[in-house]
Amino acid sequence: MVDFGLGLLAGPPKGRNEGFLTDLDATLPQLKGSFRSIWMTDHFFWQGAPTYEAWTVLSYLAARYPDFEVGPIVLGQSYRNPALLALMSATLQNLSGGRFVMGIGAGWKEDEYRAYNFPYPEPRLRVQQLEETLIILKKMWQEPGKASYEGRHYRIADAWCEPKPQPAIPILVGGGGYTTMKHAARYADIWNYPDAPLPRYRQRQDILLRHLDAIGRDPATLRCSWFGRVAIGRTEAEAEARGSSRSDTWTRENAFVGSPQQIAEQMRAFVAAGCDYFLIDIIGAPDPEVLGLFTEEVIPAVKGA
């Protein structure tokens, strides 16, 4: 089964704060029944562009849009105490009726670490911290009673997480680093690799499969997802023009660009490579023509294949 999720912008259009919700209110009814989930990035700023705090947005989205799952793509593990994050997640899972997905990664954006006074360890240590965070989340969500853990970077001592999340919270681990993918193989329900051209996606997935084989895990138990942008039009030229209207960085290699037929073909190649969940920022939403091209032509072609 192939699923689709909507990736959101980091914040509202500059000078139009109301646009964030106005656009969502216009977009999501058009995606109901075709898209499974909504995803919010976890960053503090992008060169002064309007940027919302992810957890606040997720909590609001879960209440406002009950027909969709919600998740971060992805939380920087450094930004929130792991034990508190476990309790926050369990709370949102229970209040939303089981519609939360924990997306998490090692963190990477150095300027926001420095600006907000977070320590910025070297990559090797941040990836170690990611594993300890995943261990703490699972212990606090799954173990009866109090949970304790003594790691190199994080520790908990008789920490409560009650009530436990119901149902169990799926974990998405994002990133293409060798060790990050090893953690995805061991702890995650979904692996995500963002903005990846097909050859690179295949190459990283080969590494993921080796990690799964090393621990004896069935690859069918770990979903593989892709996060990035879609620029769609009736023609390839129209799609490229629509894509160029956005200032964020994308290329023909790391986005899906073209007519519905071209995008369906591009996505089917990812499906053939093992990807079954596309988390996409559709350039031009909430324009009904743009969304209609995707939901009425691309999705049936991808799922039909």
C-alpha atoms as a PDB file:
ATOM      1  CA  MET A   1       0.000   0.000   0.000  1.00  0.00           C
ATOM      2  CA  VAL A   2       1.262   3.473  -0.905  1.00  0.00           C
ATOM      3  CA  ASP A   3       0.336   6.394   1.357  1.00  0.00           C
ATOM      4  CA  PHE A   4       0.628  10.158   1.001  1.00  0.00           C
ATOM      5  CA  GLY A   5       1.166  12.896   3.573  1.00  0.00           C
ATOM      6  CA  LEU A   6       1.146  16.680   3.241  1.00  0.00           C
ATOM      7  CA  GLY A   7       4.350  18.488   4.179  1.00  0.00           C
ATOM      8  CA  LEU A   8       3.771  22.009   5.510  1.00  0.00           C
ATOM      9  CA  LEU A   9       5.784  25.176   5.132  1.00  0.00           C
ATOM     10  CA  ALA A  10       7.779  26.270   8.182  1.00  0.00           C
ATOM     11  CA  GLY A  11       5.472  29.220   8.793  1.00  0.00           C
ATOM     12  CA  PRO A  12       2.990  31.646   7.247  1.00  0.00           C
ATOM     13  CA  PRO A  13       3.647  33.740   4.162  1.00  0.00           C
ATOM     14  CA  LYS A  14       5.596  36.840   5.109  1.00  0.00           C
ATOM     15  CA  GLY A  15       3.228  39.643   6.053  1.00  0.00           C
ATOM     16  CA  ARG A  16       0.204  37.341   6.004  1.00  0.00           C
ATOM     17  CA  ASN A  17       0.093  35.441   9.283  1.00  0.00           C
ATOM     18  CA  GLU A  18      -3.481  34.326   8.710  1.00  0.00           C
ATOM     19  CA  GLY A  19      -2.391  32.621   5.494  1.00  0.00           C
ATOM     20  CA  PHE A  20      -1.016  29.548   7.256  1.00  0.00           C
ATOM     21  CA  LEU A  21      -4.427  28.368   8.473  1.00  0.00           C
ATOM     22  CA  THR A  22      -6.387  29.898   5.607  1.00  0.00           C
ATOM     23  CA  ASP A  23      -4.379  27.867   3.106  1.00  0.00           C
ATOM     24  CA  LEU A  24      -4.655  24.708   5.208  1.00  0.00           C
ATOM     25  CA  ASP A  25      -8.408  25.112   5.595  1.00  0.00           C
ATOM     26  CA  ALA A  26      -8.656  25.346   1.808  1.00  0.00           C
ATOM     27  CA  THR A  27      -6.194  22.511   1.112  1.00  0.00           C
ATOM     28  CA  LEU A  28      -7.112  19.713   3.493  1.00  0.00           C
ATOM     29  CA  PRO A  29     -10.767  19.212   2.478  1.00  0.00           C
ATOM     30  CA  GLN A  30      -9.468  18.578  -1.045  1.00  0.00           C
ATOM     31  CA  LEU A  31      -7.052  15.925   0.274  1.00  0.00           C
ATOM     32  CA  LYS A  32      -9.457  14.079   2.575  1.00  0.00           C
ATOM     33  CA  GLY A  33      -9.606  10.448   1.544  1.00  0.00           C
ATOM     34  CA  SER A  34      -6.442  10.716  -0.556  1.00  0.00           C
ATOM     35  CA  PHE A  35      -3.872  11.812   2.044  1.00  0.00           C
ATOM     36  CA  ARG A  36      -3.249  10.116   5.362  1.00  0.00           C
ATOM     37  CA  SER A  37      -1.250  12.661   7.320  1.00  0.00           C
ATOM     38  CA  ILE A  38       0.087  16.207   7.890  1.00  0.00           C
ATOM     39  CA  TRP A  39       3.790  16.862   8.637  1.00  0.00           C
ATOM     40  CA  MET A  40       5.477  19.890  10.205  1.00  0.00           C
ATOM     41  CA  THR A  41       9.182  20.722  10.132  1.00  0.00           C
ATOM     42  CA  ASP A  42      11.017  21.401  13.413  1.00  0.00           C
ATOM     43  CA  HIS A  43      13.102  24.546  13.021  1.00  0.00           C
ATOM     44  CA  PHE A  44      13.374  27.908  14.729  1.00  0.00           C
ATOM     45  CA  PHE A  45      14.211  30.199  11.819  1.00  0.00           C
ATOM     46  CA  TRP A  46      15.224  30.318   8.165  1.00  0.00           C
ATOM     47  CA  GLN A  47      17.114  33.551   7.529  1.00  0.00           C
ATOM     48  CA  GLY A  48      14.374  35.600   9.169  1.00  0.00           C
ATOM     49  CA  ALA A  49      11.493  33.958   7.256  1.00  0.00           C
ATOM     50  CA  PRO A  50       8.333  33.363   9.311  1.00  0.00           C
ATOM     51  CA  THR A  51       8.780  30.105  11.232  1.00  0.00           C
ATOM     52  CA  TYR A  52       6.400  28.402  13.670  1.00  0.00           C
ATOM     53  CA  GLU A  53       7.393  26.123  16.550  1.00  0.00           C
ATOM     54  CA  ALA A  54       6.644  22.553  15.521  1.00  0.00           C
ATOM     55  CA  TRP A  55       5.150  21.011  18.662  1.00  0.00           C
ATOM     56  CA  THR A  56       2.692  23.855  19.137  1.00  0.00           C
ATOM     57  CA  VAL A  57       1.597  23.499  15.516  1.00  0.00           C
ATOM     58  CA  LEU A  58       1.226  19.709  15.798  1.00  0.00           C
ATOM     59  CA  SER A  59      -0.983  19.973  18.880  1.00  0.00           C
ATOM     60  CA  TYR A  60      -3.175  22.525  17.134  1.00  0.00           C
ATOM     61  CA  LEU A  61      -3.367  20.510  13.919  1.00  0.00           C
ATOM     62  CA  ALA A  62      -4.369  17.343  15.770  1.00  0.00           C
ATOM     63  CA  ALA A  63      -7.371  19.135  17.262  1.00  0.00           C
ATOM     64  CA  ARG A  64      -8.342  21.165  14.206  1.00  0.00           C
ATOM     65  CA  TYR A  65      -8.080  18.441  11.554  1.00  0.00           C
ATOM     66  CA  PRO A  66      -9.380  15.154  13.035  1.00  0.00           C
ATOM     67  CA  ASP A  67      -9.345  13.303   9.701  1.00  0.00           C
ATOM     68  CA  PHE A  68      -5.537  13.236   9.491  1.00  0.00           C
ATOM     69  CA  GLU A  69      -2.602  11.831  11.392  1.00  0.00           C
ATOM     70  CA  VAL A  70       0.019  14.405  12.418  1.00  0.00           C
ATOM     71  CA  GLY A  71       3.771  14.174  12.800  1.00  0.00           C
ATOM     72  CA  PRO A  72       7.007  16.183  12.746  1.00  0.00           C
ATOM     73  CA  ILE A  73       9.375  15.753   9.821  1.00  0.00           C
ATOM     74  CA  VAL A  74      11.505  15.557  11.871  1.00  0.00           C
ATOM     75  CA  LEU A  75      12.027  16.678  15.475  1.00  0.00           C
ATOM     76  CA  GLY A  76      15.605  17.586  16.330  1.00  0.00           C
ATOM     77  CA  GLN A  77      16.323  15.287  19.275  1.00  0.00           C
ATOM     78  CA  SER A  78      18.511  17.920  20.949  1.00  0.00           C
ATOM     79  CA  TYR A  79      15.723  20.449  21.413  1.00  0.00           C
ATOM     80  CA  ARG A  80      13.567  18.649  23.993  1.00  0.00           C
ATOM     81  CA  ASN A  81      14.402  16.548  27.028  1.00  0.00           C
ATOM     82  CA  PRO A  82      13.800  12.915  25.991  1.00  0.00           C
ATOM     83  CA  ALA A  83      11.713  11.994  29.039  1.00  0.00           C
ATOM     84  CA  LEU A  84       9.558  15.085  28.707  1.00  0.00           C
ATOM     85  CA  LEU A  85       9.211  14.371  24.988  1.00  0.00           C
ATOM     86  CA  ALA A  86       7.944  10.873  25.840  1.00  0.00           C
ATOM     87  CA  LEU A  87       5.251  12.341  28.079  1.00  0.00           C
ATOM     88  CA  MET A  88       4.336  15.040  25.549  1.00  0.00           C
ATOM     89  CA  SER A  89       3.971  12.392  22.850  1.00  0.00           C
ATOM     90  CA  ALA A  90       1.882  10.062  24.993  1.00  0.00           C
ATOM     91  CA  THR A  91      -0.393  12.973  25.870  1.00  0.00           C
ATOM     92  CA  LEU A  92      -0.909  13.989  22.246  1.00  0.00           C
ATOM     93  CA  GLN A  93      -1.442  10.373  21.177  1.00  0.00           C
ATOM     94  CA  ASN A  94      -4.170   9.836  23.744  1.00  0.00           C
ATOM     95  CA  LEU A  95      -5.891  13.194  23.223  1.00  0.00           C
ATOM     96  CA  SER A  96      -5.869  12.791  19.430  1.00  0.00           C
ATOM     97  CA  GLY A  97      -7.301   9.284  19.470  1.00  0.00           C
ATOM     98  CA  GLY A  98      -4.082   7.695  18.246  1.00  0.00           C
ATOM     99  CA  ARG A  99      -3.196  10.004  15.353  1.00  0.00           C
ATOM    100  CA  PHE A 100       0.374  10.962  16.252  1.00  0.00           C
ATOM    101  CA  VAL A 101       3.552   9.729  14.546  1.00  0.00           C
ATOM    102  CA  MET A 102       6.878  10.487  16.244  1.00  0.00           C
ATOM    103  CA  GLY A 103       9.268  11.688  13.556  1.00  0.00           C
ATOM    104  CA  ILE A 104      12.752  12.309  14.933  1.00  0.00           C
ATOM    105  CA  GLY A 105      16.328  12.792  13.769  1.00  0.00           C
ATOM    106  CA  ALA A 106      19.760  13.675  15.104  1.00  0.00           C
ATOM    107  CA  GLY A 107      19.518  17.423  14.366  1.00  0.00           C
ATOM    108  CA  TRP A 108      21.781  19.371  12.032  1.00  0.00           C
ATOM    109  CA  LYS A 109      21.040  23.117  11.712  1.00  0.00           C
ATOM    110  CA  GLU A 110      23.963  24.644  13.578  1.00  0.00           C
ATOM    111  CA  ASP A 111      22.877  28.280  13.381  1.00  0.00           C
ATOM    112  CA  GLU A 112      19.677  27.666  15.322  1.00  0.00           C
ATOM    113  CA  TYR A 113      21.508  25.566  17.929  1.00  0.00           C
ATOM    114  CA  ARG A 114      23.885  28.481  18.509  1.00  0.00           C
ATOM    115  CA  ALA A 115      21.196  31.161  18.405  1.00  0.00           C
ATOM    116  CA  TYR A 116      18.991  29.402  20.967  1.00  0.00           C
ATOM    117  CA  ASN A 117      21.907  28.358  23.224  1.00  0.00           C
ATOM    118  CA  PHE A 118      21.705  24.613  22.644  1.00  0.00           C
ATOM    119  CA  PRO A 119      24.989  22.668  22.797  1.00  0.00           C
ATOM    120  CA  TYR A 120      26.072  21.597  19.321  1.00  0.00           C
ATOM    121  CA  PRO A 121      28.069  18.357  19.625  1.00  0.00           C
ATOM    122  CA  GLU A 122      29.846  16.795  16.696  1.00  0.00           C
ATOM    123  CA  PRO A 123      27.686  14.611  14.414  1.00  0.00           C
ATOM    124  CA  ARG A 124      28.884  11.342  15.956  1.00  0.00           C
ATOM    125  CA  LEU A 125      27.672  12.436  19.394  1.00  0.00           C
ATOM    126  CA  ARG A 126      24.347  13.772  18.115  1.00  0.00           C
ATOM    127  CA  VAL A 127      23.673  10.391  16.527  1.00  0.00           C
ATOM    128  CA  GLN A 128      24.527   8.690  19.833  1.00  0.00           C
ATOM    129  CA  GLN A 129      22.075  11.024  21.544  1.00  0.00           C
ATOM    130  CA  LEU A 130      19.440  10.063  18.992  1.00  0.00           C
ATOM    131  CA  GLU A 131      19.749   6.395  19.914  1.00  0.00           C
ATOM    132  CA  GLU A 132      19.503   7.157  23.637  1.00  0.00           C
ATOM    133  CA  THR A 133      16.411   9.275  22.980  1.00  0.00           C
ATOM    134  CA  LEU A 134      14.808   6.399  21.065  1.00  0.00           C
ATOM    135  CA  ILE A 135      15.594   4.002  23.918  1.00  0.00           C
ATOM    136  CA  ILE A 136      14.060   6.358  26.494  1.00  0.00           C
ATOM    137  CA  LEU A 137      10.943   6.940  24.400  1.00  0.00           C
ATOM    138  CA  LYS A 138      10.306   3.214  24.038  1.00  0.00           C
ATOM    139  CA  LYS A 139      11.021   2.461  27.702  1.00  0.00           C
ATOM    140  CA  MET A 140       8.674   5.163  28.943  1.00  0.00           C
ATOM    141  CA  TRP A 141       5.929   4.264  26.465  1.00  0.00           C
ATOM    142  CA  GLN A 142       6.117   0.502  26.905  1.00  0.00           C
ATOM    143  CA  GLU A 143       7.445  -0.499  30.324  1.00  0.00           C
ATOM    144  CA  PRO A 144       4.871  -0.799  33.118  1.00  0.00           C
ATOM    145  CA  GLY A 145       5.308   1.605  36.004  1.00  0.00           C
ATOM    146  CA  LYS A 146       8.416   3.732  36.364  1.00  0.00           C
ATOM    147  CA  ALA A 147      11.293   3.679  33.866  1.00  0.00           C
ATOM    148  CA  SER A 148      15.011   4.171  34.462  1.00  0.00           C
ATOM    149  CA  TYR A 149      17.941   4.392  32.070  1.00  0.00           C
ATOM    150  CA  GLU A 150      21.588   5.426  32.381  1.00  0.00           C
ATOM    151  CA  GLY A 151      23.194   6.426  29.099  1.00  0.00           C
ATOM    152  CA  ARG A 152      26.278   8.324  28.083  1.00  0.00           C
ATOM    153  CA  HIS A 153      24.285  11.454  27.270  1.00  0.00           C
ATOM    154  CA  TYR A 154      20.844  11.074  28.872  1.00  0.00           C
ATOM    155  CA  ARG A 155      19.472   9.425  31.986  1.00  0.00           C
ATOM    156  CA  ILE A 156      16.099   8.922  33.628  1.00  0.00           C
ATOM    157  CA  ALA A 157      15.452   7.674  37.149  1.00  0.00           C
ATOM    158  CA  ASP A 158      12.023   6.330  38.138  1.00  0.00           C
ATOM    159  CA  ALA A 159      10.340   8.420  35.438  1.00  0.00           C
ATOM    160  CA  TRP A 160       6.595   8.022  35.004  1.00  0.00           C
ATOM    161  CA  CYS A 161       4.660   8.178  31.766  1.00  0.00           C
ATOM    162  CA  GLU A 162       1.026   7.561  32.635  1.00  0.00           C
ATOM    163  CA  PRO A 163      -1.244   6.896  30.922  1.00  0.00           C
ATOM    164  CA  LYS A 164       0.718   4.969  28.340  1.00  0.00           C
ATOM    165  CA  PRO A 165       0.041   5.975  24.735  1.00  0.00           C
ATOM    166  CA  GLN A 166      -2.816   4.068  23.148  1.00  0.00           C
ATOM    167  CA  PRO A 167      -2.318   2.777  20.563  1.00  0.00           C
ATOM    168  CA  ALA A 168       1.469   2.485  20.394  1.00  0.00           C
ATOM    169  CA  ILE A 169       3.111   5.511  18.779  1.00  0.00           C
ATOM    170  CA  PRO A 170       4.777   4.764  15.421  1.00  0.00           C
ATOM    171  CA  ILE A 171       8.344   6.069  15.179  1.00  0.00           C
ATOM    172  CA  LEU A 172       9.794   7.598  12.020  1.00  0.00           C
ATOM    173  CA  VAL A 173      13.551   8.097  11.982  1.00  0.00           C
ATOM    174  CA  GLY A 174      14.779  10.550   9.367  1.00  0.00           C
ATOM    175  CA  GLY A 175      18.232  10.724   7.828  1.00  0.00           C
ATOM    176  CA  GLY A 176      20.612   9.006   5.457  1.00  0.00           C
ATOM    177  CA  GLY A 177      23.703   8.669   7.626  1.00  0.00           C
ATOM    178  CA  TYR A 178      25.047   5.149   8.096  1.00  0.00           C
ATOM    179  CA  THR A 179      24.544   5.027  11.869  1.00  0.00           C
ATOM    180  CA  THR A 180      21.266   6.950  11.797  1.00  0.00           C
ATOM    181  CA  MET A 181      19.950   4.309   9.422  1.00  0.00           C
ATOM    182  CA  LYS A 182      21.207   1.613  11.773  1.00  0.00           C
ATOM    183  CA  HIS A 183      19.055   3.191  14.504  1.00  0.00           C
ATOM    184  CA  ALA A 184      16.106   3.317  12.094  1.00  0.00           C
ATOM    185  CA  ALA A 185      16.516  -0.394  11.409  1.00  0.00           C
ATOM    186  CA  ARG A 186      16.520  -1.210  15.117  1.00  0.00           C
ATOM    187  CA  TYR A 187      13.950   1.195  16.563  1.00  0.00           C
ATOM    188  CA  ALA A 188      11.723   2.698  13.861  1.00  0.00           C
ATOM    189  CA  ASP A 189       8.492   1.797  12.114  1.00  0.00           C
ATOM    190  CA  ILE A 190       9.223   4.186   9.211  1.00  0.00           C
ATOM    191  CA  TRP A 191      12.504   5.386   7.715  1.00  0.00           C
ATOM    192  CA  ASN A 192      12.576   8.700   5.852  1.00  0.00           C
ATOM    193  CA  TYR A 193      15.152  10.089   3.448  1.00  0.00           C
ATOM    194  CA  PRO A 194      14.386  13.670   2.347  1.00  0.00           C
ATOM    195  CA  ASP A 195      15.075  15.419  -0.947  1.00  0.00           C
ATOM    196  CA  ALA A 196      16.824  12.403  -2.423  1.00  0.00           C
ATOM    197  CA  PRO A 197      17.240  11.631  -6.140  1.00  0.00           C
ATOM    198  CA  LEU A 198      16.345   8.059  -7.033  1.00  0.00           C
ATOM    199  CA  PRO A 199      19.922   6.712  -7.403  1.00  0.00           C
ATOM    200  CA  ARG A 200      20.888   8.027  -3.972  1.00  0.00           C
ATOM    201  CA  TYR A 201      17.659   6.738  -2.439  1.00  0.00           C
ATOM    202  CA  ARG A 202      18.356   3.257  -3.811  1.00  0.00           C
ATOM    203  CA  GLN A 203      21.931   3.367  -2.563  1.00  0.00           C
ATOM    204  CA  ARG A 204      20.903   4.340   0.968  1.00  0.00           C
ATOM    205  CA  GLN A 205      18.140   1.770   0.990  1.00  0.00           C
ATOM    206  CA  ASP A 206      20.687  -0.939   0.185  1.00  0.00           C
ATOM    207  CA  ILE A 207      22.519   0.101   3.356  1.00  0.00           C
ATOM    208  CA  LEU A 208      19.249   0.002   5.299  1.00  0.00           C
ATOM    209  CA  LEU A 209      18.580  -3.530   4.089  1.00  0.00           C
ATOM    210  CA  ARG A 210      22.026  -4.617   5.251  1.00  0.00           C
ATOM    211  CA  HIS A 211      21.295  -3.159   8.705  1.00  0.00           C
ATOM    212  CA  LEU A 212      17.995  -5.037   8.831  1.00  0.00           C
ATOM    213  CA  ASP A 213      19.652  -8.272   7.785  1.00  0.00           C
ATOM    214  CA  ALA A 214      22.329  -7.861  10.463  1.00  0.00           C
ATOM    215  CA  ILE A 215      19.709  -7.791  13.243  1.00  0.00           C
ATOM    216  CA  GLY A 216      17.417 -10.364  11.646  1.00  0.00           C
ATOM    217  CA  ARG A 217      14.518  -7.990  11.067  1.00  0.00           C
ATOM    218  CA  ASP A 218      12.045  -8.567   8.265  1.00  0.00           C
ATOM    219  CA  PRO A 219      12.263  -5.602   5.820  1.00  0.00           C
ATOM    220  CA  ALA A 220       8.485  -5.763   5.436  1.00  0.00           C
ATOM    221  CA  THR A 221       8.143  -4.467   9.020  1.00  0.00           C
ATOM    222  CA  LEU A 222       9.870  -1.139   8.245  1.00  0.00           C
ATOM    223  CA  ARG A 223       8.195   1.333   5.893  1.00  0.00           C
ATOM    224  CA  CYS A 224      10.388   3.505   3.674  1.00  0.00           C
ATOM    225  CA  SER A 225       9.325   7.093   2.982  1.00  0.00           C
ATOM    226  CA  TRP A 226      10.449  10.132   1.007  1.00  0.00           C
ATOM    227  CA  PHE A 227       9.976  13.803   1.919  1.00  0.00           C
ATOM    228  CA  GLY A 228      10.257  16.705  -0.511  1.00  0.00           C
ATOM    229  CA  ARG A 229       8.542  18.969  -3.034  1.00  0.00           C
ATOM    230  CA  VAL A 230       6.160  18.415  -5.915  1.00  0.00           C
ATOM    231  CA  ALA A 231       5.780  20.908  -8.780  1.00  0.00           C
ATOM    232  CA  ILE A 232       2.948  19.756 -11.012  1.00  0.00           C
ATOM    233  CA  GLY A 233       1.290  21.220 -14.103  1.00  0.00           C
ATOM    234  CA  ARG A 234      -0.617  20.192 -17.176  1.00  0.00           C
ATOM    235  CA  THR A 235       2.713  20.343 -18.991  1.00  0.00           C
ATOM    236  CA  GLU A 236       6.329  20.100 -17.904  1.00  0.00           C
ATOM    237  CA  ALA A 237       6.861  23.784 -18.679  1.00  0.00           C
ATOM    238  CA  GLU A 238       3.873  24.770 -16.553  1.00  0.00           C
ATOM    239  CA  ALA A 239       5.187  22.637 -13.682  1.00  0.00           C
ATOM    240  CA  GLU A 240       8.647  24.211 -13.878  1.00  0.00           C
ATOM    241  CA  ALA A 241       7.159  27.703 -13.918  1.00  0.00           C
ATOM    242  CA  ARG A 242       5.043  26.893 -10.869  1.00  0.00           C
ATOM    243  CA  GLY A 243       8.035  25.493  -9.051  1.00  0.00           C
ATOM    244  CA  SER A 244      10.170  28.551  -9.793  1.00  0.00           C
ATOM    245  CA  SER A 245       7.549  30.733  -8.093  1.00  0.00           C
ATOM    246  CA  ARG A 246       8.823  29.442  -4.760  1.00  0.00           C
ATOM    247  CA  SER A 247      12.043  30.754  -3.267  1.00  0.00           C
ATOM    248  CA  ASP A 248      13.026  27.623  -1.309  1.00  0.00           C
ATOM    249  CA  THR A 249      15.789  25.470  -2.728  1.00  0.00           C
ATOM    250  CA  TRP A 250      14.860  22.544  -4.954  1.00  0.00           C
ATOM    251  CA  THR A 251      16.126  21.034  -8.174  1.00  0.00           C
ATOM    252  CA  ARG A 252      14.806  18.698 -10.852  1.00  0.00           C
ATOM    253  CA  GLU A 253      16.901  15.983  -9.219  1.00  0.00           C
ATOM    254  CA  ASN A 254      15.561  16.272  -5.650  1.00  0.00           C
ATOM    255  CA  ALA A 255      11.877  17.030  -6.384  1.00  0.00           C
ATOM    256  CA  PHE A 256       9.045  15.558  -8.415  1.00  0.00           C
ATOM    257  CA  VAL A 257       8.468  17.923 -11.346  1.00  0.00           C
ATOM    258  CA  GLY A 258       6.311  17.633 -14.440  1.00  0.00           C
ATOM    259  CA  SER A 259       2.915  16.657 -15.777  1.00  0.00           C
ATOM    260  CA  PRO A 260       0.757  14.165 -13.851  1.00  0.00           C
ATOM    261  CA  GLN A 261       2.003  11.392 -16.099  1.00  0.00           C
ATOM    262  CA  GLN A 262       5.651  12.343 -15.553  1.00  0.00           C
ATOM    263  CA  ILE A 263       5.282  12.632 -11.781  1.00  0.00           C
ATOM    264  CA  ALA A 264       3.442   9.318 -11.578  1.00  0.00           C
ATOM    265  CA  GLU A 265       6.271   7.695 -13.516  1.00  0.00           C
ATOM    266  CA  GLN A 266       8.860   9.262 -11.195  1.00  0.00           C
ATOM    267  CA  MET A 267       6.998   8.093  -8.097  1.00  0.00           C
ATOM    268  CA  ARG A 268       6.459   4.588  -9.468  1.00  0.00           C
ATOM    269  CA  ALA A 269      10.226   4.267  -9.796  1.00  0.00           C
ATOM    270  CA  PHE A 270      10.541   5.042  -6.074  1.00  0.00           C
ATOM    271  CA  VAL A 271       7.806   2.528  -5.276  1.00  0.00           C
ATOM    272  CA  ALA A 272       9.702  -0.089  -7.256  1.00  0.00           C
ATOM    273  CA  ALA A 273      12.746   0.765  -5.126  1.00  0.00           C
ATOM    274  CA  GLY A 274      10.775   0.104  -1.923  1.00  0.00           C
ATOM    275  CA  CYS A 275       9.324   3.510  -1.002  1.00  0.00           C
ATOM    276  CA  ASP A 276       5.674   3.319   0.051  1.00  0.00           C
ATOM    277  CA  TYR A 277       5.031   6.659   1.778  1.00  0.00           C
ATOM    278  CA  PHE A 278       5.427  10.069   0.115  1.00  0.00           C
ATOM    279  CA  LEU A 279       5.420  13.130   2.400  1.00  0.00           C
ATOM    280  CA  ILE A 280       5.136  16.003  -0.023  1.00  0.00           C
ATOM    281  CA  ASP A 281       4.964  19.775  -0.113  1.00  0.00           C
ATOM    282  CA  ILE A 282       2.785  20.540  -3.145  1.00  0.00           C
ATOM    283  CA  ILE A 283       3.819  23.853  -4.670  1.00  0.00           C
ATOM    284  CA  GLY A 284       0.730  25.818  -5.615  1.00  0.00           C
ATOM    285  CA  ALA A 285      -1.641  24.464  -2.949  1.00  0.00           C
ATOM    286  CA  PRO A 286      -4.457  25.200  -2.217  1.00  0.00           C
ATOM    287  CA  ASP A 287      -5.237  25.855  -5.913  1.00  0.00           C
ATOM    288  CA  PRO A 288      -7.934  23.266  -6.767  1.00  0.00           C
ATOM    289  CA  GLU A 289      -6.491  22.667 -10.216  1.00  0.00           C
ATOM    290  CA  VAL A 290      -3.065  21.879  -8.775  1.00  0.00           C
ATOM    291  CA  LEU A 291      -4.404  19.580  -6.072  1.00  0.00           C
ATOM    292  CA  GLY A 292      -6.840  17.966  -8.480  1.00  0.00           C
ATOM    293  CA  LEU A 293      -4.053  17.059 -10.880  1.00  0.00           C
ATOM    294  CA  PHE A 294      -2.310  15.233  -8.064  1.00  0.00           C
ATOM    295  CA  THR A 295      -5.242  13.543  -6.334  1.00  0.00           C
ATOM    296  CA  GLU A 296      -7.199  12.633  -9.461  1.00  0.00           C
ATOM    297  CA  GLU A 297      -4.378  11.673 -11.823  1.00  0.00           C
ATOM    298  CA  VAL A 298      -1.124  10.998  -9.981  1.00  0.00           C
ATOM    299  CA  ILE A 299      -2.400   9.041  -6.971  1.00  0.00           C
ATOM    300  CA  PRO A 300      -4.503   6.530  -8.964  1.00  0.00           C
ATOM    301  CA  ALA A 301      -1.600   5.961 -11.347  1.00  0.00           C
ATOM    302  CA  VAL A 302       0.874   5.367  -8.509  1.00  0.00           C
ATOM    303  CA  LYS A 303      -1.434   3.158  -6.464  1.00  0.00           C
ATOM    304  CA  GLY A 304      -2.574   1.287  -9.531  1.00  0.00           C
ATOM    305  CA  ALA A 305       0.974   0.326 -10.351  1.00  0.00           C
END
